[in-house]
């Protein structure tokens, strides 16, 4: 398990993050975010950077091989909830954990970056999660392993299956080239079944030159 593998590094990181997390990831305090985060970075014993999205806060420890994720908090009618704004309380990190477990059961987990719940910290008992670090697709031009025939096969499969959305043609062709057509169609079916959308280039990447998904909770615009 990831939290056992990195327990020595996580101990000091979590002790520090426990002090900062309530302020860092309360979206109503955006004006305090940068100075607070800079102070966290300076005090942290390990090199890190922040990569937040609409639904999650992410602290990247690339040199250590993992990231820490936590759901963002929004204010809805005076009540603090997880999510992406609006009035639906939805923990996208927890959704990602559930999708990973489902991927294990379906036999496609090797294409999903491992993620685990660590603990709930801070005064608000904010949940934090650890996920293996993955290079995003934007820095992986040299990792492509597909042929033109693989590209044509991907287009053929998706055209014959309207329910399947394109993710990224080159990345999908690498998926096909790496694992074969049977597995490629299986993972596309799983993504459709789990309603995993929002798979843009920042949410997919490569691990040891093999295609992998690193943000797969999906995005719900209720």
C-alpha atoms as a PDB file:
ATOM      1  CA  UNK A   1       0.000   0.000   0.000  1.00  0.00           C
ATOM      2  CA  UNK A   2       1.181   3.507  -0.817  1.00  0.00           C
ATOM      3  CA  UNK A   3       0.810   4.955   2.667  1.00  0.00           C
ATOM      4  CA  UNK A   4       2.953   2.148   4.101  1.00  0.00           C
ATOM      5  CA  UNK A   5       5.537   2.510   1.325  1.00  0.00           C
ATOM      6  CA  UNK A   6       5.930   6.247   1.971  1.00  0.00           C
ATOM      7  CA  UNK A   7       5.148   6.327   5.706  1.00  0.00           C
ATOM      8  CA  UNK A   8       8.477   7.926   6.661  1.00  0.00           C
ATOM      9  CA  UNK A   9       8.017  10.859   4.256  1.00  0.00           C
ATOM     10  CA  UNK A  10       4.285  11.176   4.947  1.00  0.00           C
ATOM     11  CA  UNK A  11       4.784  11.556   8.698  1.00  0.00           C
ATOM     12  CA  UNK A  12       6.473  14.967   8.495  1.00  0.00           C
ATOM     13  CA  UNK A  13       4.327  16.138   5.555  1.00  0.00           C
ATOM     14  CA  UNK A  14       1.061  15.327   7.323  1.00  0.00           C
ATOM     15  CA  UNK A  15       2.197  16.911  10.590  1.00  0.00           C
ATOM     16  CA  UNK A  16       2.808  20.162   8.701  1.00  0.00           C
ATOM     17  CA  UNK A  17      -0.262  19.899   6.494  1.00  0.00           C
ATOM     18  CA  UNK A  18      -2.455  19.345   9.560  1.00  0.00           C
ATOM     19  CA  UNK A  19      -1.680  22.943  10.573  1.00  0.00           C
ATOM     20  CA  UNK A  20      -2.390  24.478   7.152  1.00  0.00           C
ATOM     21  CA  UNK A  21      -5.117  22.420   5.551  1.00  0.00           C
ATOM     22  CA  UNK A  22      -8.193  24.222   6.888  1.00  0.00           C
ATOM     23  CA  UNK A  23      -7.044  27.513   5.378  1.00  0.00           C
ATOM     24  CA  UNK A  24      -5.411  26.164   2.232  1.00  0.00           C
ATOM     25  CA  UNK A  25      -8.411  24.284   0.895  1.00  0.00           C
ATOM     26  CA  UNK A  26     -11.288  26.478   1.999  1.00  0.00           C
ATOM     27  CA  UNK A  27     -12.166  28.031  -1.373  1.00  0.00           C
ATOM     28  CA  UNK A  28     -13.776  31.049   0.304  1.00  0.00           C
ATOM     29  CA  UNK A  29     -10.338  32.178   1.462  1.00  0.00           C
ATOM     30  CA  UNK A  30      -8.720  32.398  -1.967  1.00  0.00           C
ATOM     31  CA  UNK A  31      -6.902  35.651  -1.137  1.00  0.00           C
ATOM     32  CA  UNK A  32      -4.980  33.817   1.597  1.00  0.00           C
ATOM     33  CA  UNK A  33      -4.162  30.774  -0.511  1.00  0.00           C
ATOM     34  CA  UNK A  34      -0.903  31.823  -2.200  1.00  0.00           C
ATOM     35  CA  UNK A  35       0.924  33.232   0.858  1.00  0.00           C
ATOM     36  CA  UNK A  36      -0.259  30.322   2.995  1.00  0.00           C
ATOM     37  CA  UNK A  37       0.813  27.796   0.372  1.00  0.00           C
ATOM     38  CA  UNK A  38       4.180  29.497  -0.061  1.00  0.00           C
ATOM     39  CA  UNK A  39       4.751  29.260   3.684  1.00  0.00           C
ATOM     40  CA  UNK A  40       3.859  25.562   3.549  1.00  0.00           C
ATOM     41  CA  UNK A  41       6.313  24.986   0.687  1.00  0.00           C
ATOM     42  CA  UNK A  42       9.134  26.749   2.550  1.00  0.00           C
ATOM     43  CA  UNK A  43       8.582  24.749   5.720  1.00  0.00           C
ATOM     44  CA  UNK A  44       8.036  21.400   4.012  1.00  0.00           C
ATOM     45  CA  UNK A  45      11.163  19.190   4.152  1.00  0.00           C
ATOM     46  CA  UNK A  46      10.505  17.942   0.600  1.00  0.00           C
ATOM     47  CA  UNK A  47      10.307  19.757  -2.731  1.00  0.00           C
ATOM     48  CA  UNK A  48       6.702  20.163  -3.914  1.00  0.00           C
ATOM     49  CA  UNK A  49       4.379  22.252  -6.032  1.00  0.00           C
ATOM     50  CA  UNK A  50       0.635  22.818  -6.170  1.00  0.00           C
ATOM     51  CA  UNK A  51      -1.591  21.742  -9.037  1.00  0.00           C
ATOM     52  CA  UNK A  52      -5.226  22.448  -8.212  1.00  0.00           C
ATOM     53  CA  UNK A  53      -8.258  21.798 -10.397  1.00  0.00           C
ATOM     54  CA  UNK A  54     -11.944  22.631 -10.057  1.00  0.00           C
ATOM     55  CA  UNK A  55     -12.672  19.785  -7.622  1.00  0.00           C
ATOM     56  CA  UNK A  56      -9.431  18.774  -5.907  1.00  0.00           C
ATOM     57  CA  UNK A  57      -6.355  20.276  -4.353  1.00  0.00           C
ATOM     58  CA  UNK A  58      -3.156  18.476  -5.331  1.00  0.00           C
ATOM     59  CA  UNK A  59       0.300  18.759  -3.767  1.00  0.00           C
ATOM     60  CA  UNK A  60       2.843  17.149  -6.083  1.00  0.00           C
ATOM     61  CA  UNK A  61       5.946  15.485  -4.644  1.00  0.00           C
ATOM     62  CA  UNK A  62       7.371  14.369  -7.976  1.00  0.00           C
ATOM     63  CA  UNK A  63      10.827  13.514  -6.625  1.00  0.00           C
ATOM     64  CA  UNK A  64       9.262  11.271  -3.996  1.00  0.00           C
ATOM     65  CA  UNK A  65       6.942   9.534  -6.450  1.00  0.00           C
ATOM     66  CA  UNK A  66       3.540  10.542  -5.107  1.00  0.00           C
ATOM     67  CA  UNK A  67       0.969  13.315  -4.828  1.00  0.00           C
ATOM     68  CA  UNK A  68      -1.416  14.231  -2.028  1.00  0.00           C
ATOM     69  CA  UNK A  69      -4.988  15.005  -3.044  1.00  0.00           C
ATOM     70  CA  UNK A  70      -7.849  16.522  -1.093  1.00  0.00           C
ATOM     71  CA  UNK A  71     -11.377  17.607  -2.083  1.00  0.00           C
ATOM     72  CA  UNK A  72     -12.012  21.342  -2.305  1.00  0.00           C
ATOM     73  CA  UNK A  73     -14.565  22.989  -0.002  1.00  0.00           C
ATOM     74  CA  UNK A  74     -17.206  25.425  -1.234  1.00  0.00           C
ATOM     75  CA  UNK A  75     -19.828  27.435   0.590  1.00  0.00           C
ATOM     76  CA  UNK A  76     -23.417  26.652  -0.376  1.00  0.00           C
ATOM     77  CA  UNK A  77     -26.076  28.649   1.441  1.00  0.00           C
ATOM     78  CA  UNK A  78     -23.907  29.006   4.528  1.00  0.00           C
ATOM     79  CA  UNK A  79     -22.988  25.312   4.538  1.00  0.00           C
ATOM     80  CA  UNK A  80     -19.532  24.060   3.627  1.00  0.00           C
ATOM     81  CA  UNK A  81     -19.611  21.191   1.140  1.00  0.00           C
ATOM     82  CA  UNK A  82     -17.196  19.292  -1.084  1.00  0.00           C
ATOM     83  CA  UNK A  83     -17.462  19.552  -4.844  1.00  0.00           C
ATOM     84  CA  UNK A  84     -17.063  21.984  -7.698  1.00  0.00           C
ATOM     85  CA  UNK A  85     -19.455  24.703  -6.597  1.00  0.00           C
ATOM     86  CA  UNK A  86     -23.239  24.579  -6.721  1.00  0.00           C
ATOM     87  CA  UNK A  87     -25.211  22.774  -4.041  1.00  0.00           C
ATOM     88  CA  UNK A  88     -24.173  19.133  -4.481  1.00  0.00           C
ATOM     89  CA  UNK A  89     -21.937  17.688  -1.776  1.00  0.00           C
ATOM     90  CA  UNK A  90     -19.577  15.393  -3.698  1.00  0.00           C
ATOM     91  CA  UNK A  91     -16.133  14.234  -2.596  1.00  0.00           C
ATOM     92  CA  UNK A  92     -14.303  13.757  -5.913  1.00  0.00           C
ATOM     93  CA  UNK A  93     -11.320  12.109  -4.210  1.00  0.00           C
ATOM     94  CA  UNK A  94     -13.555   9.487  -2.642  1.00  0.00           C
ATOM     95  CA  UNK A  95     -15.163   8.946  -6.052  1.00  0.00           C
ATOM     96  CA  UNK A  96     -11.703   8.345  -7.485  1.00  0.00           C
ATOM     97  CA  UNK A  97     -10.921   5.734  -4.809  1.00  0.00           C
ATOM     98  CA  UNK A  98     -14.189   3.944  -5.611  1.00  0.00           C
ATOM     99  CA  UNK A  99     -13.365   3.982  -9.321  1.00  0.00           C
ATOM    100  CA  UNK A 100      -9.934   2.506  -8.612  1.00  0.00           C
ATOM    101  CA  UNK A 101     -11.435  -0.321  -6.557  1.00  0.00           C
ATOM    102  CA  UNK A 102     -13.954  -0.939  -9.352  1.00  0.00           C
ATOM    103  CA  UNK A 103     -11.083  -0.988 -11.876  1.00  0.00           C
ATOM    104  CA  UNK A 104      -9.342  -3.662  -9.783  1.00  0.00           C
ATOM    105  CA  UNK A 105     -12.500  -5.760  -9.765  1.00  0.00           C
ATOM    106  CA  UNK A 106     -12.917  -5.298 -13.528  1.00  0.00           C
ATOM    107  CA  UNK A 107      -9.296  -6.181 -14.223  1.00  0.00           C
ATOM    108  CA  UNK A 108      -8.182  -2.869 -15.733  1.00  0.00           C
ATOM    109  CA  UNK A 109      -6.471  -1.236 -12.734  1.00  0.00           C
ATOM    110  CA  UNK A 110      -3.020  -1.313 -14.357  1.00  0.00           C
ATOM    111  CA  UNK A 111      -4.146   1.709 -16.397  1.00  0.00           C
ATOM    112  CA  UNK A 112      -5.194   3.716 -13.326  1.00  0.00           C
ATOM    113  CA  UNK A 113      -2.768   5.479 -10.991  1.00  0.00           C
ATOM    114  CA  UNK A 114      -3.120   3.908  -7.537  1.00  0.00           C
ATOM    115  CA  UNK A 115      -4.904   6.051  -4.961  1.00  0.00           C
ATOM    116  CA  UNK A 116      -5.644   5.486  -1.264  1.00  0.00           C
ATOM    117  CA  UNK A 117      -7.252   7.335   1.624  1.00  0.00           C
ATOM    118  CA  UNK A 118      -4.688   8.389   4.246  1.00  0.00           C
ATOM    119  CA  UNK A 119      -6.453  10.206   7.071  1.00  0.00           C
ATOM    120  CA  UNK A 120      -8.705  13.137   7.989  1.00  0.00           C
ATOM    121  CA  UNK A 121      -6.781  16.079   9.433  1.00  0.00           C
ATOM    122  CA  UNK A 122      -7.162  19.664  10.627  1.00  0.00           C
ATOM    123  CA  UNK A 123      -9.935  21.097  12.774  1.00  0.00           C
ATOM    124  CA  UNK A 124     -12.464  20.201  10.079  1.00  0.00           C
ATOM    125  CA  UNK A 125     -11.177  16.621   9.731  1.00  0.00           C
ATOM    126  CA  UNK A 126     -10.430  17.214   6.067  1.00  0.00           C
ATOM    127  CA  UNK A 127      -9.777  13.939   4.184  1.00  0.00           C
ATOM    128  CA  UNK A 128      -6.459  13.524   2.382  1.00  0.00           C
ATOM    129  CA  UNK A 129      -5.413  10.870  -0.127  1.00  0.00           C
ATOM    130  CA  UNK A 130      -2.153   9.617  -1.629  1.00  0.00           C
ATOM    131  CA  UNK A 131      -1.730   8.726  -5.300  1.00  0.00           C
ATOM    132  CA  UNK A 132       1.288   7.529  -7.248  1.00  0.00           C
ATOM    133  CA  UNK A 133       2.930  10.277  -9.304  1.00  0.00           C
ATOM    134  CA  UNK A 134       2.420  10.105 -13.070  1.00  0.00           C
ATOM    135  CA  UNK A 135       3.870  12.278 -15.843  1.00  0.00           C
ATOM    136  CA  UNK A 136       1.044  14.026 -17.675  1.00  0.00           C
ATOM    137  CA  UNK A 137       0.647  13.676 -21.414  1.00  0.00           C
ATOM    138  CA  UNK A 138       2.050  17.123 -22.137  1.00  0.00           C
ATOM    139  CA  UNK A 139       5.620  16.010 -21.419  1.00  0.00           C
ATOM    140  CA  UNK A 140       5.565  12.598 -23.048  1.00  0.00           C
ATOM    141  CA  UNK A 141       6.001  12.986 -26.813  1.00  0.00           C
ATOM    142  CA  UNK A 142       8.945  10.588 -26.725  1.00  0.00           C
ATOM    143  CA  UNK A 143       6.841   7.893 -25.026  1.00  0.00           C
ATOM    144  CA  UNK A 144       4.460   7.169 -27.918  1.00  0.00           C
ATOM    145  CA  UNK A 145       4.709   3.602 -29.189  1.00  0.00           C
ATOM    146  CA  UNK A 146       1.798   3.318 -31.641  1.00  0.00           C
ATOM    147  CA  UNK A 147       1.651   2.972 -35.418  1.00  0.00           C
ATOM    148  CA  UNK A 148      -0.605   4.619 -37.980  1.00  0.00           C
ATOM    149  CA  UNK A 149      -2.543   1.362 -38.059  1.00  0.00           C
ATOM    150  CA  UNK A 150      -3.224   1.688 -34.323  1.00  0.00           C
ATOM    151  CA  UNK A 151      -4.576   5.210 -34.890  1.00  0.00           C
ATOM    152  CA  UNK A 152      -6.918   3.926 -37.612  1.00  0.00           C
ATOM    153  CA  UNK A 153      -8.096   1.056 -35.381  1.00  0.00           C
ATOM    154  CA  UNK A 154      -8.906   3.463 -32.537  1.00  0.00           C
ATOM    155  CA  UNK A 155     -10.953   5.645 -34.869  1.00  0.00           C
ATOM    156  CA  UNK A 156     -12.734   2.596 -36.263  1.00  0.00           C
ATOM    157  CA  UNK A 157     -13.682   1.282 -32.807  1.00  0.00           C
ATOM    158  CA  UNK A 158     -14.980   4.635 -31.574  1.00  0.00           C
ATOM    159  CA  UNK A 159     -16.921   5.305 -34.774  1.00  0.00           C
ATOM    160  CA  UNK A 160     -18.599   1.922 -34.365  1.00  0.00           C
ATOM    161  CA  UNK A 161     -19.367   2.608 -30.687  1.00  0.00           C
ATOM    162  CA  UNK A 162     -20.962   6.075 -30.384  1.00  0.00           C
ATOM    163  CA  UNK A 163     -21.159   5.751 -26.591  1.00  0.00           C
ATOM    164  CA  UNK A 164     -17.357   5.917 -26.364  1.00  0.00           C
ATOM    165  CA  UNK A 165     -15.837   9.380 -26.286  1.00  0.00           C
ATOM    166  CA  UNK A 166     -12.413  10.196 -27.662  1.00  0.00           C
ATOM    167  CA  UNK A 167      -9.874  10.801 -24.931  1.00  0.00           C
ATOM    168  CA  UNK A 168      -6.717  11.614 -26.878  1.00  0.00           C
ATOM    169  CA  UNK A 169      -6.147   9.763 -30.136  1.00  0.00           C
ATOM    170  CA  UNK A 170      -2.395   9.273 -29.691  1.00  0.00           C
ATOM    171  CA  UNK A 171      -2.746   8.212 -26.044  1.00  0.00           C
ATOM    172  CA  UNK A 172      -5.509   5.766 -26.956  1.00  0.00           C
ATOM    173  CA  UNK A 173      -3.419   4.369 -29.801  1.00  0.00           C
ATOM    174  CA  UNK A 174      -0.598   3.815 -27.293  1.00  0.00           C
ATOM    175  CA  UNK A 175      -3.100   2.023 -25.046  1.00  0.00           C
ATOM    176  CA  UNK A 176      -4.047  -0.222 -27.964  1.00  0.00           C
ATOM    177  CA  UNK A 177      -0.411  -0.826 -28.945  1.00  0.00           C
ATOM    178  CA  UNK A 178       0.603  -1.624 -25.360  1.00  0.00           C
ATOM    179  CA  UNK A 179      -2.211  -3.971 -24.369  1.00  0.00           C
ATOM    180  CA  UNK A 180      -4.019  -5.131 -27.517  1.00  0.00           C
ATOM    181  CA  UNK A 181      -7.504  -4.596 -28.857  1.00  0.00           C
ATOM    182  CA  UNK A 182      -9.357  -6.798 -26.341  1.00  0.00           C
ATOM    183  CA  UNK A 183      -8.003  -4.894 -23.353  1.00  0.00           C
ATOM    184  CA  UNK A 184      -8.435  -1.542 -25.103  1.00  0.00           C
ATOM    185  CA  UNK A 185     -12.145  -2.223 -25.677  1.00  0.00           C
ATOM    186  CA  UNK A 186     -12.491  -3.497 -22.104  1.00  0.00           C
ATOM    187  CA  UNK A 187     -11.110  -0.311 -20.587  1.00  0.00           C
ATOM    188  CA  UNK A 188     -13.241   1.864 -22.878  1.00  0.00           C
ATOM    189  CA  UNK A 189     -16.300  -0.074 -21.697  1.00  0.00           C
ATOM    190  CA  UNK A 190     -15.247   0.420 -18.068  1.00  0.00           C
ATOM    191  CA  UNK A 191     -14.784   4.171 -18.523  1.00  0.00           C
ATOM    192  CA  UNK A 192     -18.234   4.394 -20.107  1.00  0.00           C
ATOM    193  CA  UNK A 193     -19.852   2.233 -17.418  1.00  0.00           C
ATOM    194  CA  UNK A 194     -18.334   4.269 -14.570  1.00  0.00           C
ATOM    195  CA  UNK A 195     -19.243   7.573 -16.284  1.00  0.00           C
ATOM    196  CA  UNK A 196     -15.637   8.762 -16.154  1.00  0.00           C
ATOM    197  CA  UNK A 197     -15.470  11.931 -18.228  1.00  0.00           C
ATOM    198  CA  UNK A 198     -13.235  15.024 -18.280  1.00  0.00           C
ATOM    199  CA  UNK A 199     -10.241  12.977 -19.467  1.00  0.00           C
ATOM    200  CA  UNK A 200      -8.319  15.889 -20.954  1.00  0.00           C
ATOM    201  CA  UNK A 201      -4.537  15.925 -21.392  1.00  0.00           C
ATOM    202  CA  UNK A 202      -3.964  17.036 -17.805  1.00  0.00           C
ATOM    203  CA  UNK A 203      -5.734  13.927 -16.505  1.00  0.00           C
ATOM    204  CA  UNK A 204      -3.933  11.256 -18.524  1.00  0.00           C
ATOM    205  CA  UNK A 205      -0.272  10.385 -18.835  1.00  0.00           C
ATOM    206  CA  UNK A 206       2.348   7.649 -18.817  1.00  0.00           C
ATOM    207  CA  UNK A 207       4.032   5.493 -16.201  1.00  0.00           C
ATOM    208  CA  UNK A 208       7.187   3.689 -17.362  1.00  0.00           C
ATOM    209  CA  UNK A 209       6.135   4.641 -20.905  1.00  0.00           C
ATOM    210  CA  UNK A 210       2.748   2.894 -20.511  1.00  0.00           C
ATOM    211  CA  UNK A 211      -0.494   4.933 -20.805  1.00  0.00           C
ATOM    212  CA  UNK A 212      -2.282   5.564 -17.521  1.00  0.00           C
ATOM    213  CA  UNK A 213      -5.131   7.679 -16.105  1.00  0.00           C
ATOM    214  CA  UNK A 214      -4.235   9.891 -13.161  1.00  0.00           C
ATOM    215  CA  UNK A 215      -7.460  11.843 -12.553  1.00  0.00           C
ATOM    216  CA  UNK A 216     -10.494   9.660 -13.112  1.00  0.00           C
ATOM    217  CA  UNK A 217     -13.264  10.778 -10.773  1.00  0.00           C
ATOM    218  CA  UNK A 218     -15.152  12.349 -13.670  1.00  0.00           C
ATOM    219  CA  UNK A 219     -16.820  15.747 -13.468  1.00  0.00           C
ATOM    220  CA  UNK A 220     -20.505  16.269 -12.715  1.00  0.00           C
ATOM    221  CA  UNK A 221     -22.182  19.530 -13.771  1.00  0.00           C
ATOM    222  CA  UNK A 222     -25.504  19.109 -12.025  1.00  0.00           C
END
